[in-house]
Amino acid sequence: MQDNKAFLSMLNSVLNTDGFYFTTDYDLTHSLQRLANTSPEFQEMTLLER
Protein backbone atom coordinates (compact mmCIF):
# COMPACT_ATOMS: atom_id res chain seq x y z
CA MET A 1 0.00 0.00 0.00
CA GLN A 2 2.84 2.38 0.82
CA ASP A 3 4.44 1.64 -2.57
CA ASN A 4 1.20 2.62 -4.31
CA LYS A 5 1.11 5.94 -2.47
CA ALA A 6 4.73 6.63 -3.39
CA PHE A 7 4.07 5.75 -7.03
CA LEU A 8 0.96 7.96 -7.19
CA SER A 9 2.89 10.81 -5.62
CA MET A 10 5.66 10.51 -8.23
CA LEU A 11 3.14 10.22 -11.07
CA ASN A 12 1.22 13.29 -9.91
CA SER A 13 4.48 15.21 -9.63
CA VAL A 14 5.38 14.44 -13.25
CA LEU A 15 1.89 15.10 -14.60
CA ASN A 16 1.78 18.49 -12.85
CA THR A 17 5.14 19.56 -14.29
CA ASP A 18 4.93 22.47 -16.73
CA GLY A 19 6.00 21.47 -20.22
CA PHE A 20 5.15 17.79 -19.81
CA TYR A 21 2.90 16.52 -22.56
CA PHE A 22 1.22 13.13 -22.68
CA THR A 23 -1.20 11.63 -25.15
CA THR A 24 -2.20 8.12 -26.10
CA ASP A 25 -3.64 8.99 -29.50
CA TYR A 26 -1.33 11.59 -31.06
CA ASP A 27 2.34 11.31 -32.08
CA LEU A 28 4.19 13.96 -30.09
CA THR A 29 7.58 12.68 -31.30
CA HIS A 30 7.09 13.89 -34.90
CA SER A 31 6.02 17.32 -36.16
CA LEU A 32 2.96 17.69 -38.37
CA GLN A 33 5.28 18.67 -41.22
CA ARG A 34 7.29 15.47 -40.84
CA LEU A 35 4.15 13.34 -40.56
CA ALA A 36 2.80 14.91 -43.77
CA ASN A 37 5.94 13.73 -45.59
CA THR A 38 5.88 10.14 -44.36
CA SER A 39 4.62 7.15 -46.26
CA PRO A 40 1.05 5.89 -45.86
CA GLU A 41 2.49 2.70 -44.34
CA PHE A 42 4.21 4.74 -41.63
CA GLN A 43 1.01 6.65 -40.87
CA GLU A 44 -0.95 3.40 -40.55
CA MET A 45 1.45 2.04 -37.95
CA THR A 46 0.42 2.29 -34.32
CA LEU A 47 2.27 4.78 -32.15
CA LEU A 48 3.99 1.91 -30.38
CA GLU A 49 5.25 0.45 -33.68
CA ARG A 50 6.75 3.76 -34.80
C-alpha atoms as a PDB file:
ATOM      1  CA  MET A   1       0.000   0.000   0.000  1.00  0.00           C
ATOM      2  CA  GLN A   2       2.843   2.382   0.824  1.00  0.00           C
ATOM      3  CA  ASP A   3       4.438   1.644  -2.568  1.00  0.00           C
ATOM      4  CA  ASN A   4       1.196   2.618  -4.314  1.00  0.00           C
ATOM      5  CA  LYS A   5       1.107   5.939  -2.470  1.00  0.00           C
ATOM      6  CA  ALA A   6       4.728   6.634  -3.385  1.00  0.00           C
ATOM      7  CA  PHE A   7       4.069   5.753  -7.030  1.00  0.00           C
ATOM      8  CA  LEU A   8       0.963   7.958  -7.193  1.00  0.00           C
ATOM      9  CA  SER A   9       2.887  10.812  -5.624  1.00  0.00           C
ATOM     10  CA  MET A  10       5.660  10.510  -8.235  1.00  0.00           C
ATOM     11  CA  LEU A  11       3.143  10.218 -11.067  1.00  0.00           C
ATOM     12  CA  ASN A  12       1.224  13.289  -9.912  1.00  0.00           C
ATOM     13  CA  SER A  13       4.478  15.206  -9.633  1.00  0.00           C
ATOM     14  CA  VAL A  14       5.377  14.437 -13.249  1.00  0.00           C
ATOM     15  CA  LEU A  15       1.891  15.103 -14.604  1.00  0.00           C
ATOM     16  CA  ASN A  16       1.777  18.485 -12.847  1.00  0.00           C
ATOM     17  CA  THR A  17       5.143  19.562 -14.285  1.00  0.00           C
ATOM     18  CA  ASP A  18       4.933  22.470 -16.733  1.00  0.00           C
ATOM     19  CA  GLY A  19       5.999  21.465 -20.219  1.00  0.00           C
ATOM     20  CA  PHE A  20       5.146  17.786 -19.808  1.00  0.00           C
ATOM     21  CA  TYR A  21       2.897  16.523 -22.565  1.00  0.00           C
ATOM     22  CA  PHE A  22       1.221  13.128 -22.682  1.00  0.00           C
ATOM     23  CA  THR A  23      -1.203  11.632 -25.153  1.00  0.00           C
ATOM     24  CA  THR A  24      -2.203   8.119 -26.105  1.00  0.00           C
ATOM     25  CA  ASP A  25      -3.641   8.991 -29.504  1.00  0.00           C
ATOM     26  CA  TYR A  26      -1.326  11.587 -31.062  1.00  0.00           C
ATOM     27  CA  ASP A  27       2.335  11.306 -32.082  1.00  0.00           C
ATOM     28  CA  LEU A  28       4.193  13.959 -30.094  1.00  0.00           C
ATOM     29  CA  THR A  29       7.575  12.681 -31.305  1.00  0.00           C
ATOM     30  CA  HIS A  30       7.087  13.893 -34.898  1.00  0.00           C
ATOM     31  CA  SER A  31       6.025  17.320 -36.163  1.00  0.00           C
ATOM     32  CA  LEU A  32       2.957  17.692 -38.372  1.00  0.00           C
ATOM     33  CA  GLN A  33       5.280  18.670 -41.217  1.00  0.00           C
ATOM     34  CA  ARG A  34       7.287  15.468 -40.840  1.00  0.00           C
ATOM     35  CA  LEU A  35       4.152  13.341 -40.561  1.00  0.00           C
ATOM     36  CA  ALA A  36       2.798  14.911 -43.769  1.00  0.00           C
ATOM     37  CA  ASN A  37       5.939  13.734 -45.587  1.00  0.00           C
ATOM     38  CA  THR A  38       5.877  10.142 -44.357  1.00  0.00           C
ATOM     39  CA  SER A  39       4.615   7.149 -46.264  1.00  0.00           C
ATOM     40  CA  PRO A  40       1.051   5.888 -45.861  1.00  0.00           C
ATOM     41  CA  GLU A  41       2.487   2.703 -44.342  1.00  0.00           C
ATOM     42  CA  PHE A  42       4.205   4.737 -41.629  1.00  0.00           C
ATOM     43  CA  GLN A  43       1.013   6.648 -40.866  1.00  0.00           C
ATOM     44  CA  GLU A  44      -0.951   3.405 -40.555  1.00  0.00           C
ATOM     45  CA  MET A  45       1.453   2.044 -37.947  1.00  0.00           C
ATOM     46  CA  THR A  46       0.421   2.294 -34.325  1.00  0.00           C
ATOM     47  CA  LEU A  47       2.268   4.783 -32.151  1.00  0.00           C
ATOM     48  CA  LEU A  48       3.994   1.910 -30.382  1.00  0.00           C
ATOM     49  CA  GLU A  49       5.255   0.453 -33.676  1.00  0.00           C
ATOM     50  CA  ARG A  50       6.753   3.758 -34.801  1.00  0.00           C
END
